């Protein structure tokens, strides 16, 4: 049985998390790690704007490859320079913010060749970023809250098995949160099967760079239609994924005024509405987008 102090600490962190996300369940998720000019991880969390931070990316893994993390200009994993992020991760978590390691990305080299390959990748993630043990943890001894699947190319095979293996580690104590960032065309070409498992806690759907299902000036119809399809998947919460600036994506940026007055009122009534995901911290710094929408999310 847990001690009273452990129970009290868990309750306190839960309460803090509720305050960060908001009493109505709406929160903002942000991607951090792909631009050295976006501030530190600790500074990102200290803004008080974000309920979730996806640390991006682990772009190389699977199919016999040695996994490699890439945090752009923030640190050099080759010289163990990213282990200093451990204290920043713990600081963020003390504020009730959930931190995920995002695997994949647009420029990554990744795939899963078999169920056994999925198991090996899951073991690596558990031992190097989650609650396991390894002598070469890239981010030090901090234990991240979960894994974000940002799978944008390759094949759709074995992502469901990776999710099952990772979810299984939750039985060892601390819950392993699973999140995903599929494209808005439904179902997603790569993650469609994995998302049917019902194992994903937060799904931030990318409603950008996809004209058939994104916002177009003056019309929310295509976006709302796709949103309703995404709300049929067995996930705890669905988020509206958007670029935080016009130049953060090829298309799909929604002016803050349109988002708060037209789009959010049309989707927030969904039972599993979770909030808004933004790409990325660097672009949010340029526009102040999250500050403009936060009270409406």
C-alpha atoms as a PDB file:
ATOM      1  CA  UNK A   1       0.000   0.000   0.000  1.00  0.00           C
ATOM      2  CA  UNK A   2       1.269   3.498  -0.818  1.00  0.00           C
ATOM      3  CA  UNK A   3       2.314   5.759   2.017  1.00  0.00           C
ATOM      4  CA  UNK A   4       0.215   8.779   2.956  1.00  0.00           C
ATOM      5  CA  UNK A   5       2.959  11.085   1.677  1.00  0.00           C
ATOM      6  CA  UNK A   6       3.016   9.295  -1.693  1.00  0.00           C
ATOM      7  CA  UNK A   7      -0.768   9.514  -1.955  1.00  0.00           C
ATOM      8  CA  UNK A   8      -0.689  13.205  -1.041  1.00  0.00           C
ATOM      9  CA  UNK A   9       1.989  13.914  -3.642  1.00  0.00           C
ATOM     10  CA  UNK A  10       0.032  12.052  -6.327  1.00  0.00           C
ATOM     11  CA  UNK A  11      -3.131  13.966  -5.412  1.00  0.00           C
ATOM     12  CA  UNK A  12      -1.275  17.280  -5.520  1.00  0.00           C
ATOM     13  CA  UNK A  13       0.192  16.567  -8.970  1.00  0.00           C
ATOM     14  CA  UNK A  14      -3.246  15.503 -10.194  1.00  0.00           C
ATOM     15  CA  UNK A  15      -4.743  18.747  -8.894  1.00  0.00           C
ATOM     16  CA  UNK A  16      -1.996  20.825 -10.521  1.00  0.00           C
ATOM     17  CA  UNK A  17      -2.550  19.001 -13.809  1.00  0.00           C
ATOM     18  CA  UNK A  18      -6.282  19.757 -13.663  1.00  0.00           C
ATOM     19  CA  UNK A  19      -5.526  23.447 -13.186  1.00  0.00           C
ATOM     20  CA  UNK A  20      -3.084  23.466 -16.128  1.00  0.00           C
ATOM     21  CA  UNK A  21      -5.526  21.722 -18.455  1.00  0.00           C
ATOM     22  CA  UNK A  22      -8.519  23.704 -17.264  1.00  0.00           C
ATOM     23  CA  UNK A  23     -11.723  22.783 -15.512  1.00  0.00           C
ATOM     24  CA  UNK A  24     -13.519  22.214 -18.810  1.00  0.00           C
ATOM     25  CA  UNK A  25     -10.874  19.759 -19.985  1.00  0.00           C
ATOM     26  CA  UNK A  26      -9.423  22.005 -22.698  1.00  0.00           C
ATOM     27  CA  UNK A  27      -5.660  22.446 -22.823  1.00  0.00           C
ATOM     28  CA  UNK A  28      -2.864  23.314 -25.227  1.00  0.00           C
ATOM     29  CA  UNK A  29      -0.220  20.839 -26.384  1.00  0.00           C
ATOM     30  CA  UNK A  30       3.001  22.115 -27.943  1.00  0.00           C
ATOM     31  CA  UNK A  31       5.901  20.586 -29.852  1.00  0.00           C
ATOM     32  CA  UNK A  32       9.342  21.629 -28.629  1.00  0.00           C
ATOM     33  CA  UNK A  33      12.815  20.612 -29.735  1.00  0.00           C
ATOM     34  CA  UNK A  34      13.277  21.433 -33.405  1.00  0.00           C
ATOM     35  CA  UNK A  35      14.606  24.984 -33.193  1.00  0.00           C
ATOM     36  CA  UNK A  36      17.404  26.176 -30.947  1.00  0.00           C
ATOM     37  CA  UNK A  37      15.862  29.663 -30.856  1.00  0.00           C
ATOM     38  CA  UNK A  38      12.610  28.626 -29.155  1.00  0.00           C
ATOM     39  CA  UNK A  39      13.896  28.831 -25.581  1.00  0.00           C
ATOM     40  CA  UNK A  40      14.697  26.035 -23.183  1.00  0.00           C
ATOM     41  CA  UNK A  41      12.341  23.306 -22.092  1.00  0.00           C
ATOM     42  CA  UNK A  42      12.180  24.844 -18.616  1.00  0.00           C
ATOM     43  CA  UNK A  43      11.272  28.235 -20.092  1.00  0.00           C
ATOM     44  CA  UNK A  44       8.584  26.595 -22.219  1.00  0.00           C
ATOM     45  CA  UNK A  45       6.952  25.073 -19.166  1.00  0.00           C
ATOM     46  CA  UNK A  46       7.371  28.217 -17.088  1.00  0.00           C
ATOM     47  CA  UNK A  47       5.082  30.166 -19.448  1.00  0.00           C
ATOM     48  CA  UNK A  48       2.085  28.395 -17.912  1.00  0.00           C
ATOM     49  CA  UNK A  49       0.495  28.119 -21.361  1.00  0.00           C
ATOM     50  CA  UNK A  50       0.916  24.434 -22.084  1.00  0.00           C
ATOM     51  CA  UNK A  51      -0.587  21.320 -20.519  1.00  0.00           C
ATOM     52  CA  UNK A  52       1.454  18.952 -22.696  1.00  0.00           C
ATOM     53  CA  UNK A  53       4.900  19.222 -24.256  1.00  0.00           C
ATOM     54  CA  UNK A  54       6.016  16.833 -26.971  1.00  0.00           C
ATOM     55  CA  UNK A  55       9.808  16.626 -27.088  1.00  0.00           C
ATOM     56  CA  UNK A  56      10.638  16.250 -30.775  1.00  0.00           C
ATOM     57  CA  UNK A  57      12.041  14.020 -32.172  1.00  0.00           C
ATOM     58  CA  UNK A  58      13.423  10.509 -32.032  1.00  0.00           C
ATOM     59  CA  UNK A  59      13.552  10.325 -35.856  1.00  0.00           C
ATOM     60  CA  UNK A  60      15.708   7.225 -36.305  1.00  0.00           C
ATOM     61  CA  UNK A  61      14.659   3.821 -34.992  1.00  0.00           C
ATOM     62  CA  UNK A  62      13.411   0.401 -35.994  1.00  0.00           C
ATOM     63  CA  UNK A  63      14.380  -2.107 -38.686  1.00  0.00           C
ATOM     64  CA  UNK A  64      17.768  -2.763 -37.079  1.00  0.00           C
ATOM     65  CA  UNK A  65      18.797   0.890 -36.830  1.00  0.00           C
ATOM     66  CA  UNK A  66      20.447   2.367 -33.757  1.00  0.00           C
ATOM     67  CA  UNK A  67      17.889   4.811 -32.300  1.00  0.00           C
ATOM     68  CA  UNK A  68      19.010   8.443 -32.451  1.00  0.00           C
ATOM     69  CA  UNK A  69      17.380  11.481 -30.847  1.00  0.00           C
ATOM     70  CA  UNK A  70      17.602  14.855 -32.601  1.00  0.00           C
ATOM     71  CA  UNK A  71      16.806  18.039 -30.680  1.00  0.00           C
ATOM     72  CA  UNK A  72      18.222  20.391 -33.304  1.00  0.00           C
ATOM     73  CA  UNK A  73      20.236  23.208 -31.726  1.00  0.00           C
ATOM     74  CA  UNK A  74      19.252  22.452 -28.136  1.00  0.00           C
ATOM     75  CA  UNK A  75      21.876  19.828 -27.324  1.00  0.00           C
ATOM     76  CA  UNK A  76      24.204  17.206 -28.784  1.00  0.00           C
ATOM     77  CA  UNK A  77      23.193  13.666 -27.844  1.00  0.00           C
ATOM     78  CA  UNK A  78      26.441  12.314 -29.280  1.00  0.00           C
ATOM     79  CA  UNK A  79      28.382  13.896 -26.414  1.00  0.00           C
ATOM     80  CA  UNK A  80      25.663  13.187 -23.820  1.00  0.00           C
ATOM     81  CA  UNK A  81      24.809  16.869 -23.954  1.00  0.00           C
ATOM     82  CA  UNK A  82      21.066  16.241 -23.690  1.00  0.00           C
ATOM     83  CA  UNK A  83      21.273  14.598 -20.258  1.00  0.00           C
ATOM     84  CA  UNK A  84      21.165  18.085 -18.736  1.00  0.00           C
ATOM     85  CA  UNK A  85      17.495  18.236 -19.746  1.00  0.00           C
ATOM     86  CA  UNK A  86      16.697  15.816 -16.936  1.00  0.00           C
ATOM     87  CA  UNK A  87      16.311  18.572 -14.339  1.00  0.00           C
ATOM     88  CA  UNK A  88      14.182  20.623 -16.734  1.00  0.00           C
ATOM     89  CA  UNK A  89      11.892  17.658 -17.383  1.00  0.00           C
ATOM     90  CA  UNK A  90      11.402  17.168 -13.651  1.00  0.00           C
ATOM     91  CA  UNK A  91      10.688  20.881 -13.216  1.00  0.00           C
ATOM     92  CA  UNK A  92       7.994  20.727 -15.895  1.00  0.00           C
ATOM     93  CA  UNK A  93       6.408  17.656 -14.349  1.00  0.00           C
ATOM     94  CA  UNK A  94       6.341  19.339 -10.942  1.00  0.00           C
ATOM     95  CA  UNK A  95       4.077  21.941 -12.579  1.00  0.00           C
ATOM     96  CA  UNK A  96       1.647  19.215 -13.647  1.00  0.00           C
ATOM     97  CA  UNK A  97       2.732  19.283 -17.299  1.00  0.00           C
ATOM     98  CA  UNK A  98       2.907  15.950 -19.115  1.00  0.00           C
ATOM     99  CA  UNK A  99       5.956  15.396 -21.303  1.00  0.00           C
ATOM    100  CA  UNK A 100       6.109  12.924 -24.175  1.00  0.00           C
ATOM    101  CA  UNK A 101       8.951  11.816 -26.391  1.00  0.00           C
ATOM    102  CA  UNK A 102       7.749  12.246 -29.969  1.00  0.00           C
ATOM    103  CA  UNK A 103       8.977   9.505 -32.283  1.00  0.00           C
ATOM    104  CA  UNK A 104       8.998   9.830 -36.058  1.00  0.00           C
ATOM    105  CA  UNK A 105       8.565  13.208 -37.686  1.00  0.00           C
ATOM    106  CA  UNK A 106       8.575  14.374 -41.274  1.00  0.00           C
ATOM    107  CA  UNK A 107      12.289  13.897 -41.895  1.00  0.00           C
ATOM    108  CA  UNK A 108      12.878  10.717 -39.933  1.00  0.00           C
ATOM    109  CA  UNK A 109      14.157   7.331 -41.047  1.00  0.00           C
ATOM    110  CA  UNK A 110      11.987   4.835 -39.242  1.00  0.00           C
ATOM    111  CA  UNK A 111       9.915   1.717 -39.723  1.00  0.00           C
ATOM    112  CA  UNK A 112       8.950  -1.458 -37.899  1.00  0.00           C
ATOM    113  CA  UNK A 113       9.771  -4.658 -39.749  1.00  0.00           C
ATOM    114  CA  UNK A 114       8.037  -7.205 -37.522  1.00  0.00           C
ATOM    115  CA  UNK A 115       6.239  -7.727 -34.212  1.00  0.00           C
ATOM    116  CA  UNK A 116       9.611  -8.546 -32.651  1.00  0.00           C
ATOM    117  CA  UNK A 117      11.035  -5.292 -34.004  1.00  0.00           C
ATOM    118  CA  UNK A 118       8.128  -3.444 -32.367  1.00  0.00           C
ATOM    119  CA  UNK A 119       8.926  -5.201 -29.080  1.00  0.00           C
ATOM    120  CA  UNK A 120      12.598  -4.237 -29.309  1.00  0.00           C
ATOM    121  CA  UNK A 121      11.741  -0.601 -29.975  1.00  0.00           C
ATOM    122  CA  UNK A 122       9.295  -0.624 -27.051  1.00  0.00           C
ATOM    123  CA  UNK A 123      12.002  -2.076 -24.798  1.00  0.00           C
ATOM    124  CA  UNK A 124      14.430   0.614 -25.925  1.00  0.00           C
ATOM    125  CA  UNK A 125      11.936   3.413 -25.254  1.00  0.00           C
ATOM    126  CA  UNK A 126      11.058   1.979 -21.836  1.00  0.00           C
ATOM    127  CA  UNK A 127      14.661   1.591 -20.730  1.00  0.00           C
ATOM    128  CA  UNK A 128      15.988   4.851 -22.141  1.00  0.00           C
ATOM    129  CA  UNK A 129      13.153   7.366 -21.700  1.00  0.00           C
ATOM    130  CA  UNK A 130      10.497   5.851 -19.453  1.00  0.00           C
ATOM    131  CA  UNK A 131      10.606   3.834 -16.235  1.00  0.00           C
ATOM    132  CA  UNK A 132      13.266   1.290 -17.160  1.00  0.00           C
ATOM    133  CA  UNK A 133      17.002   1.403 -16.686  1.00  0.00           C
ATOM    134  CA  UNK A 134      19.889   1.945 -19.054  1.00  0.00           C
ATOM    135  CA  UNK A 135      23.456   3.200 -18.755  1.00  0.00           C
ATOM    136  CA  UNK A 136      22.952   5.481 -21.736  1.00  0.00           C
ATOM    137  CA  UNK A 137      19.690   7.372 -21.188  1.00  0.00           C
ATOM    138  CA  UNK A 138      19.839  10.302 -23.687  1.00  0.00           C
ATOM    139  CA  UNK A 139      17.811  12.666 -21.446  1.00  0.00           C
ATOM    140  CA  UNK A 140      19.274  11.505 -18.152  1.00  0.00           C
ATOM    141  CA  UNK A 141      17.387   9.860 -15.315  1.00  0.00           C
ATOM    142  CA  UNK A 142      14.144  11.814 -15.709  1.00  0.00           C
ATOM    143  CA  UNK A 143      11.159   9.593 -16.522  1.00  0.00           C
ATOM    144  CA  UNK A 144       8.965  10.970 -19.305  1.00  0.00           C
ATOM    145  CA  UNK A 145       5.198  10.536 -19.126  1.00  0.00           C
ATOM    146  CA  UNK A 146       4.765   8.753 -22.415  1.00  0.00           C
ATOM    147  CA  UNK A 147       5.417   8.368 -26.127  1.00  0.00           C
ATOM    148  CA  UNK A 148       3.953  10.428 -28.970  1.00  0.00           C
ATOM    149  CA  UNK A 149       3.563   8.720 -32.367  1.00  0.00           C
ATOM    150  CA  UNK A 150       4.212  11.286 -35.129  1.00  0.00           C
ATOM    151  CA  UNK A 151       4.316   8.754 -37.959  1.00  0.00           C
ATOM    152  CA  UNK A 152       4.237  10.526 -41.309  1.00  0.00           C
ATOM    153  CA  UNK A 153       5.689   8.021 -43.765  1.00  0.00           C
ATOM    154  CA  UNK A 154       6.864   4.452 -44.145  1.00  0.00           C
ATOM    155  CA  UNK A 155       4.330   1.663 -43.727  1.00  0.00           C
ATOM    156  CA  UNK A 156       1.293   1.236 -41.469  1.00  0.00           C
ATOM    157  CA  UNK A 157       2.555  -2.078 -40.153  1.00  0.00           C
ATOM    158  CA  UNK A 158       3.229  -2.934 -36.496  1.00  0.00           C
ATOM    159  CA  UNK A 159       2.456   0.457 -34.918  1.00  0.00           C
ATOM    160  CA  UNK A 160      -0.460  -1.224 -33.156  1.00  0.00           C
ATOM    161  CA  UNK A 161       1.949  -3.770 -31.692  1.00  0.00           C
ATOM    162  CA  UNK A 162       4.316  -1.036 -30.546  1.00  0.00           C
ATOM    163  CA  UNK A 163       1.395   0.640 -28.789  1.00  0.00           C
ATOM    164  CA  UNK A 164       0.424  -2.622 -27.074  1.00  0.00           C
ATOM    165  CA  UNK A 165       3.963  -3.303 -25.870  1.00  0.00           C
ATOM    166  CA  UNK A 166       4.344   0.244 -24.523  1.00  0.00           C
ATOM    167  CA  UNK A 167       0.939   0.159 -22.861  1.00  0.00           C
ATOM    168  CA  UNK A 168       1.911  -3.075 -21.157  1.00  0.00           C
ATOM    169  CA  UNK A 169       4.625  -1.258 -19.240  1.00  0.00           C
ATOM    170  CA  UNK A 170       1.953   0.688 -17.371  1.00  0.00           C
ATOM    171  CA  UNK A 171       1.453  -2.460 -15.300  1.00  0.00           C
ATOM    172  CA  UNK A 172       4.880  -1.887 -13.762  1.00  0.00           C
ATOM    173  CA  UNK A 173       3.810   1.248 -11.923  1.00  0.00           C
ATOM    174  CA  UNK A 174       3.677   4.701 -13.521  1.00  0.00           C
ATOM    175  CA  UNK A 175       1.210   4.915 -16.396  1.00  0.00           C
ATOM    176  CA  UNK A 176       2.735   5.199 -19.855  1.00  0.00           C
ATOM    177  CA  UNK A 177       0.655   7.729 -21.794  1.00  0.00           C
ATOM    178  CA  UNK A 178       0.304   7.156 -25.520  1.00  0.00           C
ATOM    179  CA  UNK A 179      -0.394  10.042 -27.872  1.00  0.00           C
ATOM    180  CA  UNK A 180      -0.463  10.418 -31.647  1.00  0.00           C
ATOM    181  CA  UNK A 181      -0.479  13.103 -34.324  1.00  0.00           C
ATOM    182  CA  UNK A 182      -2.276  11.641 -37.355  1.00  0.00           C
ATOM    183  CA  UNK A 183      -3.157  13.608 -40.486  1.00  0.00           C
ATOM    184  CA  UNK A 184      -6.784  14.752 -40.708  1.00  0.00           C
ATOM    185  CA  UNK A 185      -7.839  12.604 -43.712  1.00  0.00           C
ATOM    186  CA  UNK A 186      -9.745   9.780 -42.023  1.00  0.00           C
ATOM    187  CA  UNK A 187      -8.566   7.143 -41.328  1.00  0.00           C
ATOM    188  CA  UNK A 188      -4.882   8.025 -41.123  1.00  0.00           C
ATOM    189  CA  UNK A 189      -2.777   6.195 -43.691  1.00  0.00           C
ATOM    190  CA  UNK A 190      -0.120   5.121 -41.186  1.00  0.00           C
ATOM    191  CA  UNK A 191      -1.723   5.144 -37.741  1.00  0.00           C
ATOM    192  CA  UNK A 192      -5.287   4.149 -38.599  1.00  0.00           C
ATOM    193  CA  UNK A 193      -4.901   0.581 -37.384  1.00  0.00           C
ATOM    194  CA  UNK A 194      -3.001   1.483 -34.217  1.00  0.00           C
ATOM    195  CA  UNK A 195      -5.624   4.039 -33.219  1.00  0.00           C
ATOM    196  CA  UNK A 196      -8.299   1.341 -33.309  1.00  0.00           C
ATOM    197  CA  UNK A 197      -6.645  -0.371 -30.343  1.00  0.00           C
ATOM    198  CA  UNK A 198      -8.195   2.095 -27.912  1.00  0.00           C
ATOM    199  CA  UNK A 199      -4.836   2.479 -26.159  1.00  0.00           C
ATOM    200  CA  UNK A 200      -4.226   6.137 -27.026  1.00  0.00           C
ATOM    201  CA  UNK A 201      -4.921   8.775 -24.408  1.00  0.00           C
ATOM    202  CA  UNK A 202      -4.517  11.934 -26.486  1.00  0.00           C
ATOM    203  CA  UNK A 203      -4.767  12.234 -30.266  1.00  0.00           C
ATOM    204  CA  UNK A 204      -3.803  15.622 -31.725  1.00  0.00           C
ATOM    205  CA  UNK A 205      -5.023  15.450 -35.297  1.00  0.00           C
ATOM    206  CA  UNK A 206      -3.082  17.583 -37.782  1.00  0.00           C
ATOM    207  CA  UNK A 207      -5.688  19.786 -39.446  1.00  0.00           C
ATOM    208  CA  UNK A 208      -3.099  21.422 -41.678  1.00  0.00           C
ATOM    209  CA  UNK A 209      -1.230  20.637 -44.900  1.00  0.00           C
ATOM    210  CA  UNK A 210      -4.369  18.698 -45.840  1.00  0.00           C
ATOM    211  CA  UNK A 211      -6.782  20.902 -47.852  1.00  0.00           C
ATOM    212  CA  UNK A 212      -9.598  18.288 -48.040  1.00  0.00           C
ATOM    213  CA  UNK A 213     -10.151  18.424 -44.276  1.00  0.00           C
ATOM    214  CA  UNK A 214      -8.790  21.728 -43.022  1.00  0.00           C
ATOM    215  CA  UNK A 215     -10.165  25.203 -42.491  1.00  0.00           C
ATOM    216  CA  UNK A 216     -10.447  27.441 -45.527  1.00  0.00           C
ATOM    217  CA  UNK A 217     -11.108  31.135 -45.272  1.00  0.00           C
ATOM    218  CA  UNK A 218     -14.744  31.656 -44.452  1.00  0.00           C
ATOM    219  CA  UNK A 219     -15.659  27.967 -44.241  1.00  0.00           C
ATOM    220  CA  UNK A 220     -15.390  25.474 -41.399  1.00  0.00           C
ATOM    221  CA  UNK A 221     -17.422  22.746 -43.115  1.00  0.00           C
ATOM    222  CA  UNK A 222     -14.561  20.456 -44.205  1.00  0.00           C
ATOM    223  CA  UNK A 223     -12.828  20.736 -40.856  1.00  0.00           C
ATOM    224  CA  UNK A 224     -15.962  20.024 -38.829  1.00  0.00           C
ATOM    225  CA  UNK A 225     -16.859  17.065 -41.037  1.00  0.00           C
ATOM    226  CA  UNK A 226     -13.408  15.540 -40.492  1.00  0.00           C
ATOM    227  CA  UNK A 227     -13.505  16.378 -36.774  1.00  0.00           C
ATOM    228  CA  UNK A 228     -16.733  14.422 -36.409  1.00  0.00           C
ATOM    229  CA  UNK A 229     -15.109  11.404 -38.059  1.00  0.00           C
ATOM    230  CA  UNK A 230     -12.136  11.586 -35.716  1.00  0.00           C
ATOM    231  CA  UNK A 231     -14.438  11.687 -32.732  1.00  0.00           C
ATOM    232  CA  UNK A 232     -15.495   8.141 -33.561  1.00  0.00           C
ATOM    233  CA  UNK A 233     -12.132   6.624 -32.593  1.00  0.00           C
ATOM    234  CA  UNK A 234     -11.655   5.061 -29.143  1.00  0.00           C
ATOM    235  CA  UNK A 235      -9.322   7.696 -27.683  1.00  0.00           C
ATOM    236  CA  UNK A 236      -9.646   9.512 -24.368  1.00  0.00           C
ATOM    237  CA  UNK A 237      -9.283  13.023 -25.828  1.00  0.00           C
ATOM    238  CA  UNK A 238      -9.059  14.463 -29.358  1.00  0.00           C
ATOM    239  CA  UNK A 239      -7.183  17.706 -30.010  1.00  0.00           C
ATOM    240  CA  UNK A 240      -7.365  20.141 -32.916  1.00  0.00           C
ATOM    241  CA  UNK A 241      -3.816  20.274 -34.326  1.00  0.00           C
ATOM    242  CA  UNK A 242      -2.837  23.585 -35.926  1.00  0.00           C
ATOM    243  CA  UNK A 243       0.217  25.582 -37.030  1.00  0.00           C
ATOM    244  CA  UNK A 244       0.997  28.404 -34.608  1.00  0.00           C
ATOM    245  CA  UNK A 245       1.921  30.767 -37.464  1.00  0.00           C
ATOM    246  CA  UNK A 246       1.112  31.083 -41.177  1.00  0.00           C
ATOM    247  CA  UNK A 247       4.662  30.026 -42.095  1.00  0.00           C
ATOM    248  CA  UNK A 248       4.673  27.058 -39.710  1.00  0.00           C
ATOM    249  CA  UNK A 249       2.942  24.927 -42.342  1.00  0.00           C
ATOM    250  CA  UNK A 250       2.164  24.935 -46.034  1.00  0.00           C
ATOM    251  CA  UNK A 251      -1.533  25.546 -45.380  1.00  0.00           C
ATOM    252  CA  UNK A 252      -4.167  25.306 -42.677  1.00  0.00           C
ATOM    253  CA  UNK A 253      -3.353  28.272 -40.434  1.00  0.00           C
ATOM    254  CA  UNK A 254      -6.474  29.651 -38.743  1.00  0.00           C
ATOM    255  CA  UNK A 255      -6.440  33.282 -37.566  1.00  0.00           C
ATOM    256  CA  UNK A 256      -6.963  33.390 -33.817  1.00  0.00           C
ATOM    257  CA  UNK A 257     -10.179  35.400 -34.153  1.00  0.00           C
ATOM    258  CA  UNK A 258     -11.675  32.805 -36.510  1.00  0.00           C
ATOM    259  CA  UNK A 259     -10.580  29.939 -34.301  1.00  0.00           C
ATOM    260  CA  UNK A 260     -12.166  31.365 -31.176  1.00  0.00           C
ATOM    261  CA  UNK A 261     -15.351  32.690 -32.789  1.00  0.00           C
ATOM    262  CA  UNK A 262     -16.105  30.033 -35.437  1.00  0.00           C
ATOM    263  CA  UNK A 263     -14.123  26.807 -35.134  1.00  0.00           C
ATOM    264  CA  UNK A 264     -13.912  26.103 -31.421  1.00  0.00           C
ATOM    265  CA  UNK A 265     -17.615  26.786 -30.765  1.00  0.00           C
ATOM    266  CA  UNK A 266     -18.416  24.179 -33.437  1.00  0.00           C
ATOM    267  CA  UNK A 267     -16.275  21.394 -31.943  1.00  0.00           C
ATOM    268  CA  UNK A 268     -15.981  21.992 -28.193  1.00  0.00           C
ATOM    269  CA  UNK A 269     -19.286  20.258 -27.519  1.00  0.00           C
ATOM    270  CA  UNK A 270     -17.764  16.909 -28.476  1.00  0.00           C
ATOM    271  CA  UNK A 271     -17.605  14.557 -25.508  1.00  0.00           C
ATOM    272  CA  UNK A 272     -13.921  13.812 -26.023  1.00  0.00           C
ATOM    273  CA  UNK A 273     -12.742  17.289 -26.996  1.00  0.00           C
ATOM    274  CA  UNK A 274      -9.336  17.805 -25.416  1.00  0.00           C
ATOM    275  CA  UNK A 275      -8.054  21.155 -26.656  1.00  0.00           C
ATOM    276  CA  UNK A 276      -5.604  22.440 -29.253  1.00  0.00           C
ATOM    277  CA  UNK A 277      -2.181  21.203 -30.327  1.00  0.00           C
ATOM    278  CA  UNK A 278       0.263  23.682 -31.857  1.00  0.00           C
ATOM    279  CA  UNK A 279       3.303  23.298 -34.074  1.00  0.00           C
ATOM    280  CA  UNK A 280       5.537  24.562 -32.612  1.00  0.00           C
ATOM    281  CA  UNK A 281       7.034  26.464 -29.667  1.00  0.00           C
ATOM    282  CA  UNK A 282       9.292  28.435 -31.998  1.00  0.00           C
ATOM    283  CA  UNK A 283       6.382  29.656 -34.113  1.00  0.00           C
ATOM    284  CA  UNK A 284       4.196  30.284 -31.081  1.00  0.00           C
ATOM    285  CA  UNK A 285       6.906  32.594 -29.781  1.00  0.00           C
ATOM    286  CA  UNK A 286       6.741  34.584 -33.014  1.00  0.00           C
ATOM    287  CA  UNK A 287       2.967  35.085 -33.029  1.00  0.00           C
ATOM    288  CA  UNK A 288       1.794  34.705 -29.434  1.00  0.00           C
ATOM    289  CA  UNK A 289      -0.916  32.434 -30.842  1.00  0.00           C
ATOM    290  CA  UNK A 290      -1.414  30.371 -27.691  1.00  0.00           C
ATOM    291  CA  UNK A 291      -1.891  33.511 -25.609  1.00  0.00           C
ATOM    292  CA  UNK A 292      -4.550  34.725 -28.052  1.00  0.00           C
ATOM    293  CA  UNK A 293      -6.586  31.542 -27.896  1.00  0.00           C
ATOM    294  CA  UNK A 294      -5.896  30.179 -24.427  1.00  0.00           C
ATOM    295  CA  UNK A 295      -8.971  31.538 -22.686  1.00  0.00           C
ATOM    296  CA  UNK A 296     -11.202  30.010 -25.384  1.00  0.00           C
ATOM    297  CA  UNK A 297      -9.614  26.572 -25.550  1.00  0.00           C
END
